[in-house]
Amino acid sequence: MKMPGRLLTIVLVGLCLTPLVAQEAGRTSENDPRLKKWLQRWPQADTDGDGVLTMAEARAARKRIQAQKAAKELPHIAPTESDVAYGPHERHVFDFWKAESNEPTPVLVFWHGGGFAGGNKSVIQNRALLSDCLKAGISVVSGQYRLIQDAPFPAAMMDGARTVQYLRLNAKRFNINLDKVAVSGASAGGNLAVWLAVQDDLAKPGSQDPVERMSTRVTCVVGYGAQTSNDPAFIVKQIGGNEGDLHPSMFGFYDIKSVEELATPRIRTLIREATALNFVTPDDPPMMLIYRGALTRPGDNAERAVRMHHPRFGEALQEKYETLGLDCVLHYDGQPVSPGAELAFLKKQFGTT
């Protein structure tokens, strides 16, 4: 069980009071009871995965907690347009923030997390990326999609695609550049963003719906805790757990009632179609994938939340990308993301540096 954020901060502050740097360098969970207790309660702090928590790792964890707290205290930025309907369902809506510019701007489309079973577009307000993008002349969209209670895979993914298409169809209205569209998201939203980015263009040129005639291809991706595979077998093998201990949303995602159904031909086909790793090709866009935790396999007893947001998802996609000479920047606790890195990545891909 994770330690509550406030108590976590108190513990870490206490750990970091001593002024003797040399002494601190030698303090680890093997010789300090407090560090040992901390490691037991929050193993993700052991960023190099060697089973020993150092003072440096504890300090780094404290900085992450402070950053998370600061994010929650970000000022609210009112959207330029709220609840813009891009389709017929009640969740087919997004909020839009227009960057000040006389020229069409790049746009970042963000999708919330929630295991495809919950979540809301308002969570973008907890990320500094919103204000950073607007200051840099990048407009922002935060969208919603149908949940698995209403429609299983591929509904959410297709809703993400339609959001991009709707923006392109209405580029003049939103003053955005058709050729500079990035996608982003956290957890399930990141899953959606990565999946969409590696698909062939989903446009339907002959459709009577003008939205569907627009391209779904994107410039780049910034994903947070994104699952690059929705294959339970991949998760068990590469990360841990067992098929009997799947994340609950997996059942609704595939519209199944039991683990046994995963082996049926219909579901095996869906699993393949839902897994981004299966669709990586040489024309896919650059990605930046950001995770918490070390690359070390956490094991079967790790919490579901740890397993389902593990950097090994990103590592697998990075390996696929590298074999094709594509750009995939991977961040995790052993290779942490620096402040402003996401914005710098977006500006580079948009050609606005």
Protein backbone atom coordinates (compact mmCIF):
# COMPACT_ATOMS: atom_id res chain seq x y z
CA MET A 1 0.00 0.00 0.00
CA LYS A 2 1.33 3.47 -0.87
CA MET A 3 2.12 5.89 1.90
CA PRO A 4 -0.21 8.94 1.90
CA GLY A 5 1.40 11.89 0.15
CA ARG A 6 1.53 14.17 3.20
CA LEU A 7 3.04 11.52 5.46
CA LEU A 8 5.40 10.59 2.64
CA THR A 9 6.70 14.14 2.46
CA ILE A 10 7.16 14.34 6.24
CA VAL A 11 9.18 11.15 6.26
CA LEU A 12 11.39 12.26 3.41
CA VAL A 13 11.96 15.70 4.91
CA GLY A 14 13.09 13.99 8.09
CA LEU A 15 15.45 11.81 6.12
CA CYS A 16 17.12 14.79 4.52
CA LEU A 17 17.84 17.00 7.56
CA THR A 18 21.41 15.95 8.31
CA PRO A 19 24.06 18.37 6.95
CA LEU A 20 26.81 15.80 6.69
CA VAL A 21 26.90 14.88 3.01
CA ALA A 22 29.56 12.22 3.48
CA GLN A 23 27.49 10.55 6.16
CA GLU A 24 24.37 10.70 4.02
CA ALA A 25 26.17 9.07 1.11
CA GLY A 26 26.73 5.99 3.21
CA ARG A 27 23.19 5.75 4.55
CA THR A 28 21.06 3.11 2.87
CA SER A 29 18.14 0.86 3.69
CA GLU A 30 20.70 -1.71 4.81
CA ASN A 31 21.99 0.41 7.69
CA ASP A 32 19.23 2.99 8.31
CA PRO A 33 15.90 1.74 9.77
CA ARG A 34 13.98 4.69 8.38
CA LEU A 35 15.24 4.10 4.84
CA LYS A 36 14.49 0.40 5.23
CA LYS A 37 10.91 1.15 6.26
CA TRP A 38 10.55 3.63 3.43
CA LEU A 39 11.76 1.04 0.89
CA GLN A 40 9.25 -1.49 2.17
CA ARG A 41 6.36 0.92 1.84
CA TRP A 42 7.34 2.49 -1.49
CA PRO A 43 9.67 0.18 -3.46
CA GLN A 44 9.40 2.39 -6.57
CA ALA A 45 11.83 4.80 -4.87
CA ASP A 46 14.59 2.25 -5.53
CA THR A 47 15.21 3.64 -9.00
CA ASP A 48 18.12 1.40 -9.97
CA GLY A 49 16.24 -1.71 -8.84
CA ASP A 50 19.11 -3.14 -6.80
CA GLY A 51 16.97 -3.71 -3.71
CA VAL A 52 18.78 -1.02 -1.70
CA LEU A 53 17.42 2.48 -1.11
CA THR A 54 20.08 5.18 -0.90
CA MET A 55 19.73 8.67 0.50
CA ALA A 56 20.10 10.06 -3.02
CA GLU A 57 17.15 7.96 -4.19
CA ALA A 58 15.10 9.14 -1.21
CA ARG A 59 15.90 12.77 -2.06
CA ALA A 60 14.88 12.21 -5.67
CA ALA A 61 11.58 10.70 -4.51
CA ARG A 62 10.97 13.75 -2.33
CA LYS A 63 11.48 16.04 -5.33
CA ARG A 64 8.95 14.04 -7.35
CA ILE A 65 6.39 14.37 -4.55
CA GLN A 66 6.97 18.10 -4.34
CA ALA A 67 6.51 18.40 -8.11
CA GLN A 68 3.24 16.48 -7.89
CA LYS A 69 2.05 18.75 -5.09
CA ALA A 70 3.02 21.84 -7.06
CA ALA A 71 1.07 20.53 -10.07
CA LYS A 72 -2.07 20.32 -7.96
CA GLU A 73 -1.61 23.98 -7.02
CA LEU A 74 -1.40 25.28 -10.57
CA PRO A 75 -3.75 28.18 -11.31
CA HIS A 76 -6.91 27.32 -13.21
CA ILE A 77 -6.87 28.46 -16.84
CA ALA A 78 -10.32 28.91 -18.32
CA PRO A 79 -10.74 27.28 -21.75
CA THR A 80 -11.38 29.45 -24.77
CA GLU A 81 -14.22 27.05 -25.60
CA SER A 82 -15.69 24.41 -23.28
CA ASP A 83 -17.51 21.17 -24.09
CA VAL A 84 -17.03 21.40 -27.84
CA ALA A 85 -19.02 18.50 -29.32
CA TYR A 86 -17.05 16.47 -31.85
CA GLY A 87 -19.57 13.61 -32.12
CA PRO A 88 -23.04 12.42 -31.04
CA HIS A 89 -22.26 10.77 -27.67
CA GLU A 90 -22.45 12.79 -24.45
CA ARG A 91 -18.74 12.14 -23.86
CA HIS A 92 -17.80 13.30 -27.35
CA VAL A 93 -16.64 16.67 -26.03
CA PHE A 94 -13.39 18.55 -25.54
CA ASP A 95 -12.15 21.80 -24.06
CA PHE A 96 -10.03 24.11 -26.21
CA TRP A 97 -7.41 26.68 -25.22
CA LYS A 98 -6.37 29.03 -28.02
CA ALA A 99 -2.79 30.25 -28.05
CA GLU A 100 -2.44 33.91 -28.94
CA SER A 101 -1.15 34.17 -32.49
CA ASN A 102 -1.95 35.86 -35.79
CA GLU A 103 -0.81 32.71 -37.58
CA PRO A 104 -2.28 29.18 -37.32
CA THR A 105 -0.74 27.51 -34.29
CA PRO A 106 0.40 23.97 -33.54
CA VAL A 107 -1.99 22.07 -31.27
CA LEU A 108 -1.52 19.47 -28.54
CA VAL A 109 -4.43 17.06 -27.94
CA PHE A 110 -4.47 15.50 -24.46
CA TRP A 111 -6.58 12.59 -23.17
CA HIS A 112 -7.20 11.75 -19.52
CA GLY A 113 -6.54 8.45 -17.76
CA GLY A 114 -8.89 6.27 -15.74
CA GLY A 115 -8.49 2.74 -17.09
CA PHE A 116 -10.96 3.56 -19.89
CA ALA A 117 -13.60 3.30 -17.16
CA GLY A 118 -13.51 6.83 -15.74
CA GLY A 119 -11.73 10.16 -15.85
CA ASN A 120 -12.43 13.67 -17.03
CA LYS A 121 -10.86 16.20 -19.38
CA SER A 122 -10.39 18.68 -16.50
CA VAL A 123 -7.26 16.83 -15.29
CA ILE A 124 -5.18 18.78 -17.81
CA GLN A 125 -5.40 21.63 -15.28
CA ASN A 126 -3.05 19.63 -13.03
CA ARG A 127 -0.26 19.73 -15.59
CA ALA A 128 2.11 22.62 -16.17
CA LEU A 129 2.20 21.52 -19.80
CA LEU A 130 -1.06 23.39 -20.37
CA SER A 131 0.30 26.81 -19.48
CA ASP A 132 3.74 26.01 -20.94
CA CYS A 133 2.20 25.23 -24.32
CA LEU A 134 0.00 28.32 -24.36
CA LYS A 135 2.96 30.56 -23.50
CA ALA A 136 4.93 28.94 -26.33
CA GLY A 137 2.19 29.56 -28.90
CA ILE A 138 0.82 26.00 -28.91
CA SER A 139 -2.94 25.63 -28.57
CA VAL A 140 -4.26 22.84 -26.36
CA VAL A 141 -7.22 20.46 -26.45
CA SER A 142 -8.26 18.17 -23.60
CA GLY A 143 -10.78 15.58 -24.71
CA GLN A 144 -13.05 12.87 -23.44
CA TYR A 145 -13.96 9.56 -25.04
CA ARG A 146 -16.54 6.84 -24.53
CA LEU A 147 -15.88 4.60 -21.54
CA ILE A 148 -15.94 0.81 -21.60
CA GLN A 149 -19.26 0.85 -19.73
CA ASP A 150 -20.73 2.29 -22.93
CA ALA A 151 -18.56 0.73 -25.61
CA PRO A 152 -15.52 -1.59 -25.50
CA PHE A 153 -12.41 -1.41 -27.69
CA PRO A 154 -11.95 0.16 -30.19
CA ALA A 155 -14.50 2.86 -29.27
CA ALA A 156 -12.18 5.06 -27.17
CA MET A 157 -9.41 4.85 -29.76
CA MET A 158 -11.76 5.81 -32.56
CA ASP A 159 -13.04 8.72 -30.48
CA GLY A 160 -9.47 9.93 -30.19
CA ALA A 161 -9.08 9.65 -33.94
CA ARG A 162 -12.32 11.58 -34.50
CA THR A 163 -11.13 14.35 -32.18
CA VAL A 164 -8.05 14.87 -34.37
CA GLN A 165 -10.19 14.74 -37.51
CA TYR A 166 -12.70 17.25 -36.12
CA LEU A 167 -9.91 19.68 -35.30
CA ARG A 168 -8.51 19.40 -38.80
CA LEU A 169 -11.92 19.95 -40.39
CA ASN A 170 -12.34 23.05 -38.24
CA ALA A 171 -8.77 24.30 -38.42
CA LYS A 172 -9.78 27.83 -39.40
CA ARG A 173 -12.27 28.10 -36.55
CA PHE A 174 -9.60 27.10 -34.01
CA ASN A 175 -6.73 28.85 -35.83
CA ILE A 176 -4.59 25.70 -35.85
CA ASN A 177 -2.05 24.36 -38.31
CA LEU A 178 -3.31 21.20 -40.02
CA ASP A 179 0.22 19.83 -40.26
CA LYS A 180 1.23 20.35 -36.62
CA VAL A 181 -0.94 18.16 -34.42
CA ALA A 182 0.59 16.35 -31.44
CA VAL A 183 -1.19 13.91 -29.14
CA SER A 184 -0.64 13.20 -25.47
CA GLY A 185 -2.26 11.50 -22.52
CA ALA A 186 -1.81 9.84 -19.17
CA SER A 187 -2.32 6.12 -18.51
CA ALA A 188 -5.34 5.09 -20.62
CA GLY A 189 -5.11 8.45 -22.41
CA GLY A 190 -1.47 7.77 -23.19
CA ASN A 191 -2.45 4.29 -24.34
CA LEU A 192 -4.91 5.90 -26.74
CA ALA A 193 -2.36 8.46 -27.98
CA VAL A 194 0.35 5.88 -28.69
CA TRP A 195 -2.12 3.52 -30.39
CA LEU A 196 -3.44 6.27 -32.66
CA ALA A 197 0.04 7.48 -33.59
CA VAL A 198 1.20 4.12 -34.97
CA GLN A 199 -1.94 3.38 -36.99
CA ASP A 200 -2.10 3.89 -40.72
CA ASP A 201 -4.24 6.90 -41.61
CA LEU A 202 -7.80 6.09 -40.51
CA ALA A 203 -9.35 8.66 -42.85
CA LYS A 204 -12.25 7.48 -45.02
CA PRO A 205 -12.05 9.59 -48.19
CA GLY A 206 -15.43 8.38 -49.50
CA SER A 207 -17.36 8.93 -46.27
CA GLN A 208 -20.48 11.10 -46.28
CA ASP A 209 -19.30 12.43 -42.90
CA PRO A 210 -16.80 15.24 -43.64
CA VAL A 211 -15.08 14.63 -40.28
CA GLU A 212 -14.21 11.06 -41.26
CA ARG A 213 -12.57 12.26 -44.46
CA MET A 214 -9.83 14.05 -42.52
CA SER A 215 -6.41 12.55 -41.73
CA THR A 216 -5.64 11.01 -38.32
CA ARG A 217 -1.85 11.14 -38.66
CA VAL A 218 0.02 13.15 -36.03
CA THR A 219 3.33 14.97 -35.65
CA CYS A 220 4.51 13.43 -32.39
CA VAL A 221 3.46 11.93 -29.05
CA VAL A 222 4.07 12.74 -25.38
CA GLY A 223 2.83 9.88 -23.20
CA TYR A 224 2.67 9.58 -19.41
CA GLY A 225 2.54 6.04 -17.99
CA ALA A 226 1.25 4.85 -21.36
CA GLN A 227 0.56 1.19 -22.05
CA THR A 228 2.09 0.29 -25.42
CA SER A 229 0.55 -3.18 -25.29
CA ASN A 230 -2.91 -4.32 -24.25
CA ASP A 231 -1.90 -7.96 -24.39
CA PRO A 232 -2.21 -9.66 -20.97
CA ALA A 233 0.44 -12.21 -22.00
CA PHE A 234 2.94 -9.40 -22.68
CA ILE A 235 2.18 -7.77 -19.33
CA VAL A 236 2.65 -11.03 -17.40
CA LYS A 237 5.89 -11.93 -19.18
CA GLN A 238 7.58 -8.54 -19.29
CA ILE A 239 6.26 -6.92 -16.13
CA GLY A 240 4.67 -9.44 -13.76
CA GLY A 241 1.47 -10.78 -12.28
CA ASN A 242 -0.72 -13.42 -13.87
CA GLU A 243 -3.76 -13.45 -16.12
CA GLY A 244 -5.95 -14.13 -13.11
CA ASP A 245 -4.85 -10.82 -11.57
CA LEU A 246 -5.52 -8.50 -14.47
CA HIS A 247 -6.45 -4.87 -14.07
CA PRO A 248 -10.27 -4.90 -13.71
CA SER A 249 -10.77 -2.62 -16.71
CA MET A 250 -9.22 -5.24 -19.00
CA PHE A 251 -12.46 -7.22 -18.88
CA GLY A 252 -14.61 -4.28 -19.91
CA PHE A 253 -12.04 -3.19 -22.47
CA TYR A 254 -12.49 -6.48 -24.33
CA ASP A 255 -16.11 -6.98 -23.23
CA ILE A 256 -15.42 -10.33 -21.58
CA LYS A 257 -16.54 -11.93 -18.32
CA SER A 258 -13.71 -14.37 -17.60
CA VAL A 259 -9.98 -14.88 -18.07
CA GLU A 260 -10.69 -17.97 -20.15
CA GLU A 261 -12.21 -15.81 -22.89
CA LEU A 262 -8.80 -14.27 -23.54
CA ALA A 263 -7.82 -17.44 -25.40
CA THR A 264 -10.75 -17.36 -27.83
CA PRO A 265 -9.99 -16.46 -31.46
CA ARG A 266 -12.19 -13.36 -31.38
CA ILE A 267 -10.46 -11.89 -28.35
CA ARG A 268 -6.99 -12.85 -29.57
CA THR A 269 -7.74 -10.86 -32.71
CA LEU A 270 -8.90 -7.89 -30.64
CA ILE A 271 -5.79 -8.09 -28.44
CA ARG A 272 -3.58 -7.91 -31.49
CA GLU A 273 -5.53 -4.96 -32.88
CA ALA A 274 -5.41 -3.14 -29.52
CA THR A 275 -1.63 -3.44 -29.09
CA ALA A 276 0.36 -0.52 -30.46
CA LEU A 277 3.58 -2.56 -30.56
CA ASN A 278 2.11 -4.61 -33.40
CA PHE A 279 1.73 -1.61 -35.70
CA VAL A 280 5.07 0.22 -35.54
CA THR A 281 6.26 1.07 -39.07
CA PRO A 282 9.01 3.32 -40.51
CA ASP A 283 6.64 6.25 -41.05
CA ASP A 284 5.56 6.58 -37.42
CA PRO A 285 6.05 9.86 -35.50
CA PRO A 286 8.63 10.63 -32.78
CA MET A 287 7.59 9.86 -29.21
CA MET A 288 8.51 10.92 -25.70
CA LEU A 289 7.35 8.38 -23.11
CA ILE A 290 7.53 9.24 -19.40
CA TYR A 291 7.15 6.75 -16.54
CA ARG A 292 7.78 6.39 -12.82
CA GLY A 293 9.86 3.56 -11.41
CA ALA A 294 12.90 1.60 -12.53
CA LEU A 295 13.21 -0.60 -15.60
CA THR A 296 13.71 -3.65 -13.40
CA ARG A 297 10.85 -6.14 -13.64
CA PRO A 298 8.73 -5.44 -10.53
CA GLY A 299 7.50 -9.00 -10.17
CA ASP A 300 4.25 -10.78 -9.55
CA ASN A 301 3.53 -9.19 -6.16
CA ALA A 302 3.77 -5.58 -7.32
CA GLU A 303 0.63 -3.48 -7.13
CA ARG A 304 -1.52 -3.42 -10.26
CA ALA A 305 -1.02 0.32 -10.60
CA VAL A 306 2.74 -0.20 -10.65
CA ARG A 307 2.54 -2.97 -13.23
CA MET A 308 0.10 -1.13 -15.50
CA HIS A 309 2.24 2.04 -15.67
CA HIS A 310 5.65 0.42 -15.77
CA PRO A 311 8.50 1.81 -17.91
CA ARG A 312 8.93 -1.58 -19.55
CA PHE A 313 5.96 -0.63 -21.73
CA GLY A 314 8.02 2.27 -23.01
CA GLU A 315 11.19 0.21 -23.29
CA ALA A 316 9.44 -2.28 -25.58
CA LEU A 317 8.26 0.46 -27.91
CA GLN A 318 11.63 2.20 -27.86
CA GLU A 319 13.31 -1.04 -28.94
CA LYS A 320 10.86 -1.37 -31.85
CA TYR A 321 11.48 2.25 -32.82
CA GLU A 322 15.25 1.95 -32.66
CA THR A 323 15.28 -1.06 -35.01
CA LEU A 324 13.61 1.20 -37.59
CA GLY A 325 15.76 4.23 -36.90
CA LEU A 326 12.87 6.14 -35.31
CA ASP A 327 13.04 8.58 -32.41
CA CYS A 328 11.59 7.46 -29.07
CA VAL A 329 12.80 9.30 -25.96
CA LEU A 330 12.22 7.24 -22.82
CA HIS A 331 12.19 8.65 -19.28
CA TYR A 332 11.92 6.74 -16.00
CA ASP A 333 13.43 7.04 -12.54
CA GLY A 334 16.87 6.02 -13.78
CA GLN A 335 16.62 8.51 -16.63
CA PRO A 336 14.34 11.23 -15.21
CA VAL A 337 12.65 13.86 -17.30
CA SER A 338 13.94 17.39 -16.70
CA PRO A 339 11.63 20.39 -16.24
CA GLY A 340 10.49 21.73 -19.58
CA ALA A 341 11.63 18.67 -21.53
CA GLU A 342 8.15 17.94 -22.89
CA LEU A 343 7.76 21.46 -24.24
CA ALA A 344 11.24 21.40 -25.77
CA PHE A 345 10.38 18.10 -27.47
CA LEU A 346 7.13 19.50 -28.87
CA LYS A 347 8.79 22.66 -30.13
CA LYS A 348 11.49 20.63 -31.84
CA GLN A 349 8.95 18.42 -33.62
CA PHE A 350 6.80 21.40 -34.55
CA GLY A 351 9.86 23.26 -35.85
CA THR A 352 9.24 26.21 -33.53
CA THR A 353 12.51 26.14 -31.55
